[in-house]
């Protein structure tokens, strides 16, 4: 149950939060998106409404990034106002402890955790790819496929788990494999290497049709069978069929930017990698993004506590160092995420640790600020 104190502080919080999140989102739009959209309008001659739609679809992704800083700014401004009007002193004089006074701050941070998580899981995976598609259609006047996957491998195994074929694809676009190399070990004592410029899955024939390529047949000499000898033949083809029990088309369609996937999509991609069904250089990226789906929203609670502790100041203090400290916290928050995300993506640090380490740093700052203010 919310008490009058909880309701009062939460009422004071909502306007600074809306203003702070709105200002930061507007600045983010101005720096990152307005230039891109107006360049689109200038190049393509698209209607101004198209640019507005693209900007509107980008807002959920920006909000999911800026909400933690919005709650930091909101709690800072709210408690600075309460301090300047001696309301913090009145609350303490009424018998409320400092920890009790932080309860509505924790609830506000928890609310922001839920909002950030909901945006990143259910809104951003739909709005961001749609914005990118509208941008591309407006720029090129043609609905070009946005599915563009580069440099991946996958394996086809038999019922016993033995690898039968290895597929390497340099590029996947418009439902076509480009520059394909297939290593085929399905036939005893015979290795086949197929290369093709293009390949397409044929569901009727149950295999891949290769176009404009060559096949190499390599047979090693079997010492146990004197009738066999080594052989190496090469033949060119315009089209040929490679029978296959595995259709990776559905897998490839799901291989998109990690920022556009929700946590369930990331979890499925990680499992496909670890099961050996596909192999790309994005596994560390998928793992880091998966843990960040939970770690980044959780920072709202820590930042809310930091803002409240920094906002409480003496009434007659001539210089308020809170704004400088607030700027340092924002810098540390974003810089730590940038640095440790790169560590996680490169594999130099475990993905779970890389995603949560910024929260460890922010949590340490929150712990110092909380006990310093509580004791003082």
Protein backbone atom coordinates (compact mmCIF):
# COMPACT_ATOMS: atom_id res chain seq x y z
CA UNK A 1 0.00 0.00 0.00
CA UNK A 2 1.23 3.47 -0.90
CA UNK A 3 1.24 5.94 1.97
CA UNK A 4 0.73 9.70 1.67
CA UNK A 5 4.52 10.16 1.67
CA UNK A 6 4.90 7.70 -1.22
CA UNK A 7 2.14 9.31 -3.24
CA UNK A 8 3.49 12.80 -2.59
CA UNK A 9 7.03 12.03 -3.75
CA UNK A 10 5.78 10.03 -6.75
CA UNK A 11 3.52 12.93 -7.71
CA UNK A 12 6.51 15.27 -7.58
CA UNK A 13 8.54 12.85 -9.71
CA UNK A 14 6.37 12.35 -12.76
CA UNK A 15 6.66 15.84 -14.30
CA UNK A 16 10.50 16.03 -14.07
CA UNK A 17 10.65 12.49 -15.45
CA UNK A 18 8.48 13.31 -18.47
CA UNK A 19 10.40 16.53 -19.07
CA UNK A 20 13.84 14.94 -18.61
CA UNK A 21 13.11 11.90 -20.79
CA UNK A 22 11.54 14.14 -23.43
CA UNK A 23 14.47 16.55 -23.53
CA UNK A 24 17.08 13.78 -23.71
CA UNK A 25 15.09 11.97 -26.41
CA UNK A 26 14.75 15.21 -28.37
CA UNK A 27 18.48 15.87 -28.15
CA UNK A 28 19.17 12.28 -29.23
CA UNK A 29 16.81 12.70 -32.20
CA UNK A 30 18.42 15.99 -33.13
CA UNK A 31 21.95 14.64 -33.03
CA UNK A 32 21.44 11.20 -34.52
CA UNK A 33 18.27 11.08 -36.58
CA UNK A 34 17.20 14.48 -37.92
CA UNK A 35 20.24 14.79 -40.17
CA UNK A 36 19.72 11.27 -41.53
CA UNK A 37 16.03 11.84 -42.24
CA UNK A 38 16.47 15.24 -43.91
CA UNK A 39 19.24 13.78 -46.05
CA UNK A 40 16.71 11.12 -47.09
CA UNK A 41 14.13 13.77 -48.01
CA UNK A 42 16.70 15.75 -50.00
CA UNK A 43 17.99 12.74 -51.95
CA UNK A 44 14.75 10.92 -52.64
CA UNK A 45 12.25 13.75 -52.83
CA UNK A 46 9.97 11.79 -50.51
CA UNK A 47 7.07 13.47 -48.76
CA UNK A 48 7.72 15.22 -45.47
CA UNK A 49 5.22 12.86 -43.84
CA UNK A 50 7.57 9.96 -44.67
CA UNK A 51 10.30 11.56 -42.59
CA UNK A 52 7.87 12.10 -39.71
CA UNK A 53 6.85 8.43 -39.84
CA UNK A 54 10.49 7.28 -39.80
CA UNK A 55 11.25 9.54 -36.82
CA UNK A 56 8.16 8.33 -34.98
CA UNK A 57 9.15 4.69 -35.47
CA UNK A 58 12.66 5.42 -34.17
CA UNK A 59 11.41 7.02 -30.93
CA UNK A 60 10.74 3.71 -29.06
CA UNK A 61 14.33 2.59 -29.54
CA UNK A 62 15.65 5.95 -28.33
CA UNK A 63 13.29 5.95 -25.33
CA UNK A 64 14.49 2.48 -24.35
CA UNK A 65 18.00 3.98 -24.23
CA UNK A 66 17.22 7.31 -22.54
CA UNK A 67 14.70 6.29 -19.84
CA UNK A 68 17.46 5.39 -17.29
CA UNK A 69 18.96 8.87 -17.63
CA UNK A 70 15.46 10.36 -17.50
CA UNK A 71 14.75 8.80 -14.09
CA UNK A 72 18.21 9.86 -12.88
CA UNK A 73 17.47 13.47 -13.81
CA UNK A 74 13.91 13.28 -12.40
CA UNK A 75 14.95 12.07 -8.94
CA UNK A 76 17.79 14.58 -8.83
CA UNK A 77 15.55 17.56 -9.65
CA UNK A 78 12.73 16.37 -7.39
CA UNK A 79 14.86 15.95 -4.28
CA UNK A 80 16.75 19.14 -5.01
CA UNK A 81 13.40 20.93 -4.99
CA UNK A 82 12.34 19.18 -1.77
CA UNK A 83 15.65 20.14 -0.16
CA UNK A 84 15.46 23.79 -1.20
CA UNK A 85 11.97 24.07 0.30
CA UNK A 86 13.02 22.29 3.55
CA UNK A 87 10.57 19.45 2.86
CA UNK A 88 13.28 16.83 3.33
CA UNK A 89 13.90 18.26 6.82
CA UNK A 90 10.16 18.18 7.52
CA UNK A 91 9.89 14.56 6.39
CA UNK A 92 12.80 13.54 8.60
CA UNK A 93 11.38 15.52 11.52
CA UNK A 94 8.09 13.65 11.13
CA UNK A 95 9.96 10.43 11.91
CA UNK A 96 10.60 9.02 8.43
CA UNK A 97 14.06 7.50 8.06
CA UNK A 98 16.22 8.15 5.03
CA UNK A 99 15.69 4.56 3.90
CA UNK A 100 11.91 5.02 4.19
CA UNK A 101 12.15 8.18 2.12
CA UNK A 102 13.87 6.19 -0.68
CA UNK A 103 10.98 3.74 -0.99
CA UNK A 104 9.03 5.75 -3.61
CA UNK A 105 12.33 6.31 -5.47
CA UNK A 106 12.80 2.54 -5.65
CA UNK A 107 9.21 2.10 -6.87
CA UNK A 108 9.73 4.74 -9.57
CA UNK A 109 12.93 3.00 -10.67
CA UNK A 110 11.10 -0.35 -10.79
CA UNK A 111 8.37 1.19 -12.94
CA UNK A 112 11.04 2.46 -15.36
CA UNK A 113 12.59 -1.02 -15.45
CA UNK A 114 9.27 -2.44 -16.64
CA UNK A 115 8.72 0.31 -19.21
CA UNK A 116 12.25 -0.04 -20.63
CA UNK A 117 11.97 -3.83 -20.81
CA UNK A 118 8.54 -3.71 -22.49
CA UNK A 119 9.77 -1.22 -25.08
CA UNK A 120 12.90 -3.19 -25.94
CA UNK A 121 11.05 -6.52 -26.09
CA UNK A 122 7.71 -5.80 -27.73
CA UNK A 123 7.91 -2.42 -29.51
CA UNK A 124 11.48 -1.93 -30.77
CA UNK A 125 11.71 -5.34 -32.59
CA UNK A 126 8.69 -4.24 -34.66
CA UNK A 127 9.19 -0.48 -35.06
CA UNK A 128 12.91 -0.32 -35.89
CA UNK A 129 12.96 -2.82 -38.82
CA UNK A 130 9.78 -1.19 -40.16
CA UNK A 131 11.45 2.25 -40.03
CA UNK A 132 14.49 0.86 -41.84
CA UNK A 133 12.27 -0.66 -44.53
CA UNK A 134 10.39 2.61 -45.10
CA UNK A 135 13.71 4.46 -45.30
CA UNK A 136 15.03 2.04 -47.93
CA UNK A 137 11.84 2.10 -50.02
CA UNK A 138 11.80 5.90 -49.98
CA UNK A 139 15.48 6.13 -50.92
CA UNK A 140 15.61 3.52 -53.68
CA UNK A 141 11.96 3.53 -54.82
CA UNK A 142 12.04 -0.23 -54.51
CA UNK A 143 11.28 -2.56 -51.61
CA UNK A 144 14.79 -3.98 -51.43
CA UNK A 145 15.11 -6.97 -49.12
CA UNK A 146 16.63 -6.01 -45.80
CA UNK A 147 17.78 -9.57 -45.09
CA UNK A 148 21.50 -9.34 -45.68
CA UNK A 149 23.64 -11.88 -43.85
CA UNK A 150 27.36 -12.17 -44.53
CA UNK A 151 29.96 -14.84 -43.90
CA UNK A 152 28.27 -17.77 -42.16
CA UNK A 153 28.56 -21.56 -42.06
CA UNK A 154 26.17 -24.31 -41.05
CA UNK A 155 26.42 -28.07 -40.80
CA UNK A 156 24.19 -30.89 -41.96
CA UNK A 157 24.41 -33.98 -39.75
CA UNK A 158 23.00 -37.50 -39.97
CA UNK A 159 20.88 -39.21 -37.31
CA UNK A 160 24.04 -40.18 -35.40
CA UNK A 161 25.35 -36.62 -35.28
CA UNK A 162 28.09 -37.21 -37.87
CA UNK A 163 28.70 -34.24 -40.15
CA UNK A 164 27.63 -34.99 -43.73
CA UNK A 165 28.00 -31.58 -45.33
CA UNK A 166 29.49 -28.22 -44.43
CA UNK A 167 28.00 -25.15 -46.08
CA UNK A 168 29.86 -21.85 -46.25
CA UNK A 169 28.02 -18.85 -47.65
CA UNK A 170 29.64 -15.50 -48.18
CA UNK A 171 26.35 -13.65 -48.48
CA UNK A 172 22.60 -14.28 -48.17
CA UNK A 173 20.23 -11.78 -49.74
CA UNK A 174 16.82 -11.87 -51.43
CA UNK A 175 16.41 -15.57 -50.50
CA UNK A 176 19.51 -16.47 -52.52
CA UNK A 177 22.82 -17.82 -51.26
CA UNK A 178 25.73 -16.04 -52.93
CA UNK A 179 29.26 -17.47 -53.42
CA UNK A 180 28.64 -20.89 -51.90
CA UNK A 181 31.17 -23.56 -50.95
CA UNK A 182 29.87 -27.01 -49.97
CA UNK A 183 32.07 -29.77 -48.54
CA UNK A 184 30.28 -33.10 -48.98
CA UNK A 185 31.40 -36.16 -46.97
CA UNK A 186 28.20 -38.18 -47.40
CA UNK A 187 29.79 -40.77 -49.70
CA UNK A 188 32.31 -43.26 -48.39
CA UNK A 189 35.95 -42.68 -49.51
CA UNK A 190 34.85 -39.80 -51.70
CA UNK A 191 34.93 -36.09 -50.90
CA UNK A 192 33.08 -33.55 -53.01
CA UNK A 193 33.67 -29.82 -53.09
CA UNK A 194 30.98 -27.75 -54.79
CA UNK A 195 31.38 -24.04 -55.48
CA UNK A 196 28.69 -21.84 -57.01
CA UNK A 197 27.93 -18.19 -57.54
CA UNK A 198 24.32 -18.62 -56.45
CA UNK A 199 22.12 -21.23 -54.81
CA UNK A 200 18.43 -21.49 -54.06
CA UNK A 201 16.38 -23.96 -52.00
CA UNK A 202 13.88 -26.04 -53.98
CA UNK A 203 11.20 -27.47 -51.60
CA UNK A 204 9.78 -29.76 -54.32
CA UNK A 205 13.07 -31.49 -55.16
CA UNK A 206 14.24 -31.34 -51.55
CA UNK A 207 17.63 -29.75 -51.99
CA UNK A 208 19.70 -26.81 -53.10
CA UNK A 209 19.98 -25.86 -56.77
CA UNK A 210 23.44 -24.46 -57.50
CA UNK A 211 24.05 -22.08 -60.41
CA UNK A 212 27.26 -21.30 -62.33
CA UNK A 213 29.79 -23.36 -60.44
CA UNK A 214 32.11 -26.34 -60.40
CA UNK A 215 32.37 -29.67 -58.59
CA UNK A 216 35.59 -31.36 -57.49
CA UNK A 217 35.59 -35.12 -56.84
CA UNK A 218 38.45 -36.28 -54.66
CA UNK A 219 38.96 -39.95 -53.91
CA UNK A 220 41.81 -41.04 -51.66
CA UNK A 221 43.59 -44.35 -52.19
CA UNK A 222 42.29 -47.07 -49.87
CA UNK A 223 45.17 -49.26 -48.70
CA UNK A 224 42.75 -51.99 -47.64
CA UNK A 225 41.26 -52.17 -51.15
CA UNK A 226 43.93 -52.63 -53.89
CA UNK A 227 41.36 -51.97 -56.64
CA UNK A 228 40.94 -48.33 -55.63
CA UNK A 229 43.27 -45.50 -56.52
CA UNK A 230 43.40 -41.80 -55.84
CA UNK A 231 41.35 -39.59 -58.13
CA UNK A 232 40.72 -35.87 -58.58
CA UNK A 233 38.19 -34.73 -61.16
CA UNK A 234 36.75 -31.25 -61.77
CA UNK A 235 33.60 -30.50 -63.74
CA UNK A 236 31.77 -27.27 -64.42
CA UNK A 237 28.00 -26.89 -64.40
CA UNK A 238 25.30 -24.34 -65.08
CA UNK A 239 22.87 -25.91 -62.62
CA UNK A 240 23.06 -28.90 -60.32
CA UNK A 241 21.02 -30.26 -57.44
CA UNK A 242 22.50 -30.99 -54.00
CA UNK A 243 19.98 -33.14 -52.07
CA UNK A 244 19.66 -32.01 -48.49
CA UNK A 245 17.43 -32.79 -45.53
CA UNK A 246 18.04 -29.38 -43.96
CA UNK A 247 16.45 -26.18 -45.16
CA UNK A 248 18.31 -23.31 -43.47
CA UNK A 249 16.10 -20.67 -45.10
CA UNK A 250 14.08 -20.15 -41.93
CA UNK A 251 17.26 -19.90 -39.88
CA UNK A 252 18.74 -17.35 -42.27
CA UNK A 253 15.62 -15.21 -42.20
CA UNK A 254 15.97 -14.93 -38.43
CA UNK A 255 19.62 -13.88 -38.64
CA UNK A 256 19.17 -10.13 -38.40
CA UNK A 257 20.73 -7.36 -36.37
CA UNK A 258 20.98 -8.33 -32.72
CA UNK A 259 19.46 -5.00 -31.64
CA UNK A 260 16.28 -5.87 -33.57
CA UNK A 261 15.73 -9.18 -31.74
CA UNK A 262 13.90 -9.63 -28.45
CA UNK A 263 15.39 -11.82 -25.74
CA UNK A 264 13.56 -14.93 -27.00
CA UNK A 265 14.90 -14.43 -30.53
CA UNK A 266 18.42 -13.97 -29.16
CA UNK A 267 18.05 -17.08 -27.00
CA UNK A 268 17.05 -19.14 -30.05
CA UNK A 269 19.99 -17.85 -32.10
CA UNK A 270 22.41 -18.69 -29.27
CA UNK A 271 21.00 -22.23 -29.07
CA UNK A 272 21.35 -22.70 -32.83
CA UNK A 273 25.01 -21.70 -32.59
CA UNK A 274 25.74 -23.90 -29.60
CA UNK A 275 23.95 -26.88 -31.18
CA UNK A 276 26.29 -26.59 -34.17
CA UNK A 277 23.50 -25.94 -36.68
CA UNK A 278 24.94 -22.58 -37.73
CA UNK A 279 28.26 -20.86 -37.28
CA UNK A 280 28.80 -17.10 -37.55
CA UNK A 281 30.99 -14.49 -35.92
CA UNK A 282 27.94 -13.04 -34.10
CA UNK A 283 27.67 -15.52 -31.23
CA UNK A 284 29.38 -13.22 -28.69
CA UNK A 285 27.24 -10.33 -29.92
CA UNK A 286 24.05 -12.36 -29.45
CA UNK A 287 25.09 -13.42 -25.93
CA UNK A 288 26.00 -9.87 -24.90
CA UNK A 289 22.73 -8.45 -26.24
CA UNK A 290 20.78 -11.23 -24.49
CA UNK A 291 22.17 -10.39 -21.05
CA UNK A 292 21.88 -6.65 -21.76
CA UNK A 293 18.13 -7.12 -22.25
CA UNK A 294 17.92 -7.60 -18.48
CA UNK A 295 20.95 -5.67 -17.23
CA UNK A 296 20.24 -2.35 -18.97
CA UNK A 297 16.65 -1.87 -17.63
CA UNK A 298 17.79 -2.84 -14.12
CA UNK A 299 20.10 0.20 -14.09
CA UNK A 300 16.98 2.41 -13.74
CA UNK A 301 16.71 1.48 -10.04
CA UNK A 302 20.37 2.24 -9.33
CA UNK A 303 20.30 5.55 -11.22
CA UNK A 304 17.09 6.61 -9.46
CA UNK A 305 18.76 6.11 -6.07
CA UNK A 306 21.88 7.98 -7.18
CA UNK A 307 19.82 10.94 -8.42
CA UNK A 308 17.85 11.18 -5.19
CA UNK A 309 20.98 11.07 -3.02
CA UNK A 310 22.74 13.70 -5.11
CA UNK A 311 19.68 15.95 -5.19
CA UNK A 312 19.55 16.33 -1.39
CA UNK A 313 21.64 19.38 -0.52
CA UNK A 314 21.80 22.04 2.16
CA UNK A 315 19.49 25.03 1.73
CA UNK A 316 22.20 27.64 2.06
CA UNK A 317 24.96 25.93 0.08
CA UNK A 318 26.48 28.53 -2.20
CA UNK A 319 27.82 26.10 -4.80
CA UNK A 320 25.86 23.02 -5.81
CA UNK A 321 28.25 20.37 -7.05
CA UNK A 322 25.37 18.01 -7.77
CA UNK A 323 25.11 18.98 -11.44
CA UNK A 324 28.79 18.24 -12.01
CA UNK A 325 28.46 14.89 -10.23
CA UNK A 326 25.34 14.15 -12.26
CA UNK A 327 27.22 14.76 -15.50
CA UNK A 328 30.02 12.45 -14.35
CA UNK A 329 27.51 9.69 -13.54
CA UNK A 330 25.95 9.98 -17.01
CA UNK A 331 29.41 9.85 -18.60
CA UNK A 332 30.45 6.80 -16.55
CA UNK A 333 27.15 5.06 -17.32
CA UNK A 334 27.32 5.37 -21.10
CA UNK A 335 31.10 4.96 -21.32
CA UNK A 336 31.04 1.76 -19.25
CA UNK A 337 28.33 0.30 -21.47
CA UNK A 338 30.29 1.18 -24.61
CA UNK A 339 33.55 -0.28 -23.30
CA UNK A 340 32.19 -3.49 -21.79
CA UNK A 341 29.81 -4.17 -24.68
CA UNK A 342 32.83 -4.11 -26.99
CA UNK A 343 34.62 -6.51 -24.63
CA UNK A 344 31.65 -8.86 -24.71
CA UNK A 345 31.23 -8.65 -28.50
CA UNK A 346 34.91 -9.41 -29.09
CA UNK A 347 34.95 -12.33 -26.65
CA UNK A 348 37.59 -10.78 -24.40
CA UNK A 349 35.13 -10.97 -21.49
CA UNK A 350 32.28 -13.33 -20.70
CA UNK A 351 29.06 -11.94 -22.17
CA UNK A 352 27.16 -12.08 -18.87
CA UNK A 353 29.93 -10.23 -17.02
CA UNK A 354 30.30 -7.65 -19.79
CA UNK A 355 26.56 -6.91 -19.73
CA UNK A 356 26.29 -6.61 -15.93
CA UNK A 357 29.63 -4.96 -15.14
CA UNK A 358 28.35 -1.40 -15.84
CA UNK A 359 25.63 -2.08 -13.23
CA UNK A 360 28.31 -3.18 -10.79
CA UNK A 361 30.06 0.17 -11.27
CA UNK A 362 26.82 2.15 -11.00
CA UNK A 363 25.75 0.02 -8.02
CA UNK A 364 28.98 0.86 -6.22
CA UNK A 365 28.34 4.58 -6.82
CA UNK A 366 24.75 4.15 -5.56
CA UNK A 367 25.96 2.34 -2.43
CA UNK A 368 28.50 5.09 -1.62
CA UNK A 369 25.98 7.88 -2.28
CA UNK A 370 23.25 6.18 -0.24
CA UNK A 371 25.31 5.55 2.89
CA UNK A 372 27.05 8.90 2.66
CA UNK A 373 23.72 10.73 2.54
CA UNK A 374 22.06 8.47 5.13
CA UNK A 375 24.85 8.98 7.65
CA UNK A 376 25.07 12.70 6.99
